[in-house]
Amino acid sequence: MASEQTSVTTRSELLSVVAWLQIVASGFSLLVALLLYGVAWATAQSPALQAIYSWPLFGVGCLFLAGAILLLLAGVGLRQRYHWARNLSIVLCYCGAFLSVGFFVLEYLALSRLFFAPPGAADYGTMSMLGMVLKTFLGGISLASTALLIWMGKRLGAAVVLVEFSKLTQPKVQS
């Protein structure tokens, strides 16, 4: 008598690692969203700061909350080997790489204004050196995370990973 069963294959370590990274990242994104909501609430108490900071911080907090939900869905779905979760993970990897490049540019522009003293200032050498070290460190982290996200997106889109998903969903006939 033939019965249909789902074939069991060995699970890729890459998929498990990416899934857990997404679940952990969703926790961090939720934490950032809660912090932004707290700061938005605190600035809403002051009429002078309310219009300037409160609504933009609340909006950015909503974006982080949406990101946390998407990352959690993608991580849990990827652990279950759902095709939609694989596609969502690929999209999130490439969106994260795009945002990482954007943050790299913002870091560069913001740190240029914060840590570089004008020439002739008493602390010109110290502040400029601190700014260069910080800019190099944060820039390296941004570029490394961009490269890692692009690599993960490419690996999740590879045929080897797609084969693993199709093996898990194809019916297996036993005699």
C-alpha atoms as a PDB file:
ATOM      1  CA  MET A   1       0.000   0.000   0.000  1.00  0.00           C
ATOM      2  CA  ALA A   2       1.405   3.361  -0.997  1.00  0.00           C
ATOM      3  CA  SER A   3       1.267   6.278   1.359  1.00  0.00           C
ATOM      4  CA  GLU A   4       2.322   9.851   0.864  1.00  0.00           C
ATOM      5  CA  GLN A   5       4.766  11.378   3.301  1.00  0.00           C
ATOM      6  CA  THR A   6       6.879  14.451   3.300  1.00  0.00           C
ATOM      7  CA  SER A   7      10.478  13.495   2.688  1.00  0.00           C
ATOM      8  CA  VAL A   8      12.845  14.443   5.445  1.00  0.00           C
ATOM      9  CA  THR A   9      16.192  15.897   4.477  1.00  0.00           C
ATOM     10  CA  THR A  10      19.024  17.240   6.505  1.00  0.00           C
ATOM     11  CA  ARG A  11      18.438  20.865   7.301  1.00  0.00           C
ATOM     12  CA  SER A  12      20.908  23.408   6.049  1.00  0.00           C
ATOM     13  CA  GLU A  13      22.863  25.148   8.789  1.00  0.00           C
ATOM     14  CA  LEU A  14      22.750  28.367   6.769  1.00  0.00           C
ATOM     15  CA  LEU A  15      18.959  28.446   6.864  1.00  0.00           C
ATOM     16  CA  SER A  16      18.898  27.786  10.597  1.00  0.00           C
ATOM     17  CA  VAL A  17      21.489  30.485  11.278  1.00  0.00           C
ATOM     18  CA  VAL A  18      19.694  33.042   9.079  1.00  0.00           C
ATOM     19  CA  ALA A  19      16.371  32.188  10.725  1.00  0.00           C
ATOM     20  CA  TRP A  20      17.763  32.658  14.237  1.00  0.00           C
ATOM     21  CA  LEU A  21      19.544  35.876  13.222  1.00  0.00           C
ATOM     22  CA  GLN A  22      16.230  37.220  11.964  1.00  0.00           C
ATOM     23  CA  ILE A  23      14.458  36.241  15.173  1.00  0.00           C
ATOM     24  CA  VAL A  24      17.152  37.940  17.292  1.00  0.00           C
ATOM     25  CA  ALA A  25      17.135  41.003  15.006  1.00  0.00           C
ATOM     26  CA  SER A  26      13.373  41.243  15.438  1.00  0.00           C
ATOM     27  CA  GLY A  27      13.905  41.452  19.195  1.00  0.00           C
ATOM     28  CA  PHE A  28      16.432  44.266  18.779  1.00  0.00           C
ATOM     29  CA  SER A  29      14.122  46.061  16.360  1.00  0.00           C
ATOM     30  CA  LEU A  30      11.276  45.792  18.861  1.00  0.00           C
ATOM     31  CA  LEU A  31      13.539  47.193  21.590  1.00  0.00           C
ATOM     32  CA  VAL A  32      14.495  50.165  19.398  1.00  0.00           C
ATOM     33  CA  ALA A  33      10.813  50.749  18.573  1.00  0.00           C
ATOM     34  CA  LEU A  34       9.918  50.800  22.271  1.00  0.00           C
ATOM     35  CA  LEU A  35      12.778  53.205  23.023  1.00  0.00           C
ATOM     36  CA  LEU A  36      11.642  55.508  20.219  1.00  0.00           C
ATOM     37  CA  TYR A  37       8.066  55.381  21.499  1.00  0.00           C
ATOM     38  CA  GLY A  38       9.344  56.336  24.965  1.00  0.00           C
ATOM     39  CA  VAL A  39      11.336  59.269  23.627  1.00  0.00           C
ATOM     40  CA  ALA A  40       8.376  60.342  21.459  1.00  0.00           C
ATOM     41  CA  TRP A  41       6.104  60.247  24.503  1.00  0.00           C
ATOM     42  CA  ALA A  42       8.613  62.255  26.558  1.00  0.00           C
ATOM     43  CA  THR A  43       8.965  64.908  23.850  1.00  0.00           C
ATOM     44  CA  ALA A  44       5.181  65.058  23.430  1.00  0.00           C
ATOM     45  CA  GLN A  45       4.960  66.385  27.006  1.00  0.00           C
ATOM     46  CA  SER A  46       6.675  69.598  25.926  1.00  0.00           C
ATOM     47  CA  PRO A  47       4.666  71.804  23.542  1.00  0.00           C
ATOM     48  CA  ALA A  48       7.858  73.246  22.062  1.00  0.00           C
ATOM     49  CA  LEU A  49       9.286  69.814  21.180  1.00  0.00           C
ATOM     50  CA  GLN A  50       6.041  68.067  20.289  1.00  0.00           C
ATOM     51  CA  ALA A  51       5.754  69.189  16.677  1.00  0.00           C
ATOM     52  CA  ILE A  52       9.471  68.889  15.950  1.00  0.00           C
ATOM     53  CA  TYR A  53      10.385  65.534  17.497  1.00  0.00           C
ATOM     54  CA  SER A  54       7.346  63.641  18.716  1.00  0.00           C
ATOM     55  CA  TRP A  55       5.628  62.644  15.449  1.00  0.00           C
ATOM     56  CA  PRO A  56       8.810  61.870  13.474  1.00  0.00           C
ATOM     57  CA  LEU A  57      10.066  59.665  16.331  1.00  0.00           C
ATOM     58  CA  PHE A  58       6.704  57.939  16.528  1.00  0.00           C
ATOM     59  CA  GLY A  59       6.812  57.330  12.754  1.00  0.00           C
ATOM     60  CA  VAL A  60      10.309  55.872  12.881  1.00  0.00           C
ATOM     61  CA  GLY A  61       9.201  53.719  15.826  1.00  0.00           C
ATOM     62  CA  CYS A  62       6.336  52.387  13.690  1.00  0.00           C
ATOM     63  CA  LEU A  63       8.835  51.499  10.950  1.00  0.00           C
ATOM     64  CA  PHE A  64      10.993  49.610  13.461  1.00  0.00           C
ATOM     65  CA  LEU A  65       7.901  47.819  14.790  1.00  0.00           C
ATOM     66  CA  ALA A  66       6.898  46.787  11.264  1.00  0.00           C
ATOM     67  CA  GLY A  67      10.462  45.590  10.677  1.00  0.00           C
ATOM     68  CA  ALA A  68      10.354  43.567  13.893  1.00  0.00           C
ATOM     69  CA  ILE A  69       7.132  41.857  12.836  1.00  0.00           C
ATOM     70  CA  LEU A  70       8.474  41.078   9.347  1.00  0.00           C
ATOM     71  CA  LEU A  71      11.762  39.750  10.720  1.00  0.00           C
ATOM     72  CA  LEU A  72       9.952  37.542  13.223  1.00  0.00           C
ATOM     73  CA  LEU A  73       7.619  36.171  10.546  1.00  0.00           C
ATOM     74  CA  ALA A  74      10.523  35.531   8.179  1.00  0.00           C
ATOM     75  CA  GLY A  75      12.638  33.856  10.861  1.00  0.00           C
ATOM     76  CA  VAL A  76       9.900  31.558  12.129  1.00  0.00           C
ATOM     77  CA  GLY A  77       8.729  30.772   8.590  1.00  0.00           C
ATOM     78  CA  LEU A  78      12.270  30.043   7.454  1.00  0.00           C
ATOM     79  CA  ARG A  79      12.718  27.617  10.335  1.00  0.00           C
ATOM     80  CA  GLN A  80       9.569  25.843   9.090  1.00  0.00           C
ATOM     81  CA  ARG A  81      10.922  25.996   5.494  1.00  0.00           C
ATOM     82  CA  TYR A  82       8.037  27.933   3.985  1.00  0.00           C
ATOM     83  CA  HIS A  83       8.668  29.314   0.474  1.00  0.00           C
ATOM     84  CA  TRP A  84       7.094  32.676   1.308  1.00  0.00           C
ATOM     85  CA  ALA A  85       9.490  33.032   4.251  1.00  0.00           C
ATOM     86  CA  ARG A  86      12.470  32.391   1.983  1.00  0.00           C
ATOM     87  CA  ASN A  87      11.240  35.072  -0.429  1.00  0.00           C
ATOM     88  CA  LEU A  88      10.563  37.489   2.438  1.00  0.00           C
ATOM     89  CA  SER A  89      14.033  36.797   3.863  1.00  0.00           C
ATOM     90  CA  ILE A  90      15.649  37.591   0.515  1.00  0.00           C
ATOM     91  CA  VAL A  91      13.720  40.871   0.279  1.00  0.00           C
ATOM     92  CA  LEU A  92      14.640  41.757   3.880  1.00  0.00           C
ATOM     93  CA  CYS A  93      18.324  41.028   3.221  1.00  0.00           C
ATOM     94  CA  TYR A  94      18.437  43.349   0.228  1.00  0.00           C
ATOM     95  CA  CYS A  95      16.390  46.056   1.976  1.00  0.00           C
ATOM     96  CA  GLY A  96      18.717  45.792   4.968  1.00  0.00           C
ATOM     97  CA  ALA A  97      21.749  46.174   2.692  1.00  0.00           C
ATOM     98  CA  PHE A  98      20.193  49.271   1.110  1.00  0.00           C
ATOM     99  CA  LEU A  99      19.456  50.761   4.548  1.00  0.00           C
ATOM    100  CA  SER A 100      22.959  49.923   5.741  1.00  0.00           C
ATOM    101  CA  VAL A 101      24.455  51.922   2.875  1.00  0.00           C
ATOM    102  CA  GLY A 102      22.093  54.786   3.719  1.00  0.00           C
ATOM    103  CA  PHE A 103      23.153  54.714   7.358  1.00  0.00           C
ATOM    104  CA  PHE A 104      26.788  54.682   6.253  1.00  0.00           C
ATOM    105  CA  VAL A 105      26.226  57.962   4.408  1.00  0.00           C
ATOM    106  CA  LEU A 106      24.324  59.442   7.365  1.00  0.00           C
ATOM    107  CA  GLU A 107      27.088  58.391   9.772  1.00  0.00           C
ATOM    108  CA  TYR A 108      29.686  60.011   7.581  1.00  0.00           C
ATOM    109  CA  LEU A 109      27.757  63.277   7.334  1.00  0.00           C
ATOM    110  CA  ALA A 110      26.732  63.405  11.001  1.00  0.00           C
ATOM    111  CA  LEU A 111      30.137  62.493  12.396  1.00  0.00           C
ATOM    112  CA  SER A 112      31.800  65.076  10.191  1.00  0.00           C
ATOM    113  CA  ARG A 113      29.800  67.770  11.954  1.00  0.00           C
ATOM    114  CA  LEU A 114      29.997  66.345  15.473  1.00  0.00           C
ATOM    115  CA  PHE A 115      33.610  65.327  15.885  1.00  0.00           C
ATOM    116  CA  PHE A 116      35.649  67.559  13.656  1.00  0.00           C
ATOM    117  CA  ALA A 117      36.755  70.820  15.235  1.00  0.00           C
ATOM    118  CA  PRO A 118      37.406  73.693  12.876  1.00  0.00           C
ATOM    119  CA  PRO A 119      41.065  74.279  12.000  1.00  0.00           C
ATOM    120  CA  GLY A 120      42.756  76.510  14.533  1.00  0.00           C
ATOM    121  CA  ALA A 121      40.621  75.325  17.482  1.00  0.00           C
ATOM    122  CA  ALA A 122      42.459  74.314  20.658  1.00  0.00           C
ATOM    123  CA  ASP A 123      41.339  70.669  20.465  1.00  0.00           C
ATOM    124  CA  TYR A 124      41.574  70.347  16.674  1.00  0.00           C
ATOM    125  CA  GLY A 125      43.989  67.379  16.663  1.00  0.00           C
ATOM    126  CA  THR A 126      42.227  65.323  19.361  1.00  0.00           C
ATOM    127  CA  MET A 127      38.708  65.785  18.050  1.00  0.00           C
ATOM    128  CA  SER A 128      39.746  65.154  14.465  1.00  0.00           C
ATOM    129  CA  MET A 129      41.542  61.928  15.421  1.00  0.00           C
ATOM    130  CA  LEU A 130      38.580  60.718  17.515  1.00  0.00           C
ATOM    131  CA  GLY A 131      36.242  61.500  14.629  1.00  0.00           C
ATOM    132  CA  MET A 132      38.435  59.616  12.156  1.00  0.00           C
ATOM    133  CA  VAL A 133      38.654  56.536  14.393  1.00  0.00           C
ATOM    134  CA  LEU A 134      34.913  56.528  15.062  1.00  0.00           C
ATOM    135  CA  LYS A 135      34.072  57.165  11.407  1.00  0.00           C
ATOM    136  CA  THR A 136      36.362  54.334  10.296  1.00  0.00           C
ATOM    137  CA  PHE A 137      34.993  51.894  12.882  1.00  0.00           C
ATOM    138  CA  LEU A 138      31.315  52.609  12.151  1.00  0.00           C
ATOM    139  CA  GLY A 139      31.936  52.711   8.419  1.00  0.00           C
ATOM    140  CA  GLY A 140      33.606  49.303   8.584  1.00  0.00           C
ATOM    141  CA  ILE A 141      30.651  47.864  10.489  1.00  0.00           C
ATOM    142  CA  SER A 142      28.195  49.334   7.955  1.00  0.00           C
ATOM    143  CA  LEU A 143      30.097  48.014   4.967  1.00  0.00           C
ATOM    144  CA  ALA A 144      30.630  44.577   6.549  1.00  0.00           C
ATOM    145  CA  SER A 145      26.934  44.280   7.393  1.00  0.00           C
ATOM    146  CA  THR A 146      26.047  45.335   3.841  1.00  0.00           C
ATOM    147  CA  ALA A 147      28.325  42.668   2.383  1.00  0.00           C
ATOM    148  CA  LEU A 148      26.940  40.041   4.779  1.00  0.00           C
ATOM    149  CA  LEU A 149      23.319  40.895   3.941  1.00  0.00           C
ATOM    150  CA  ILE A 150      23.986  40.762   0.197  1.00  0.00           C
ATOM    151  CA  TRP A 151      25.784  37.422   0.611  1.00  0.00           C
ATOM    152  CA  MET A 152      22.892  35.992   2.668  1.00  0.00           C
ATOM    153  CA  GLY A 153      20.376  37.206   0.085  1.00  0.00           C
ATOM    154  CA  LYS A 154      22.335  35.548  -2.716  1.00  0.00           C
ATOM    155  CA  ARG A 155      22.724  32.310  -0.766  1.00  0.00           C
ATOM    156  CA  LEU A 156      19.006  32.202   0.058  1.00  0.00           C
ATOM    157  CA  GLY A 157      18.244  32.655  -3.637  1.00  0.00           C
ATOM    158  CA  ALA A 158      20.678  29.935  -4.725  1.00  0.00           C
ATOM    159  CA  ALA A 159      19.454  26.774  -6.416  1.00  0.00           C
ATOM    160  CA  VAL A 160      20.881  24.609  -3.627  1.00  0.00           C
ATOM    161  CA  VAL A 161      18.602  26.251  -1.081  1.00  0.00           C
ATOM    162  CA  LEU A 162      15.616  26.091  -3.423  1.00  0.00           C
ATOM    163  CA  VAL A 163      16.207  22.348  -3.845  1.00  0.00           C
ATOM    164  CA  GLU A 164      16.073  21.925  -0.075  1.00  0.00           C
ATOM    165  CA  PHE A 165      12.701  23.646   0.045  1.00  0.00           C
ATOM    166  CA  SER A 166      11.312  21.544  -2.789  1.00  0.00           C
ATOM    167  CA  LYS A 167      12.541  18.282  -1.191  1.00  0.00           C
ATOM    168  CA  LEU A 168      10.699  19.135   1.984  1.00  0.00           C
ATOM    169  CA  THR A 169       7.414  19.716   0.185  1.00  0.00           C
ATOM    170  CA  GLN A 170       7.400  16.960  -2.442  1.00  0.00           C
ATOM    171  CA  PRO A 171       5.336  13.913  -1.574  1.00  0.00           C
ATOM    172  CA  LYS A 172       7.279  10.688  -1.215  1.00  0.00           C
ATOM    173  CA  VAL A 173       5.635   7.422  -2.179  1.00  0.00           C
ATOM    174  CA  GLN A 174       6.566   4.334  -0.166  1.00  0.00           C
ATOM    175  CA  SER A 175       5.595   0.743  -0.938  1.00  0.00           C
END
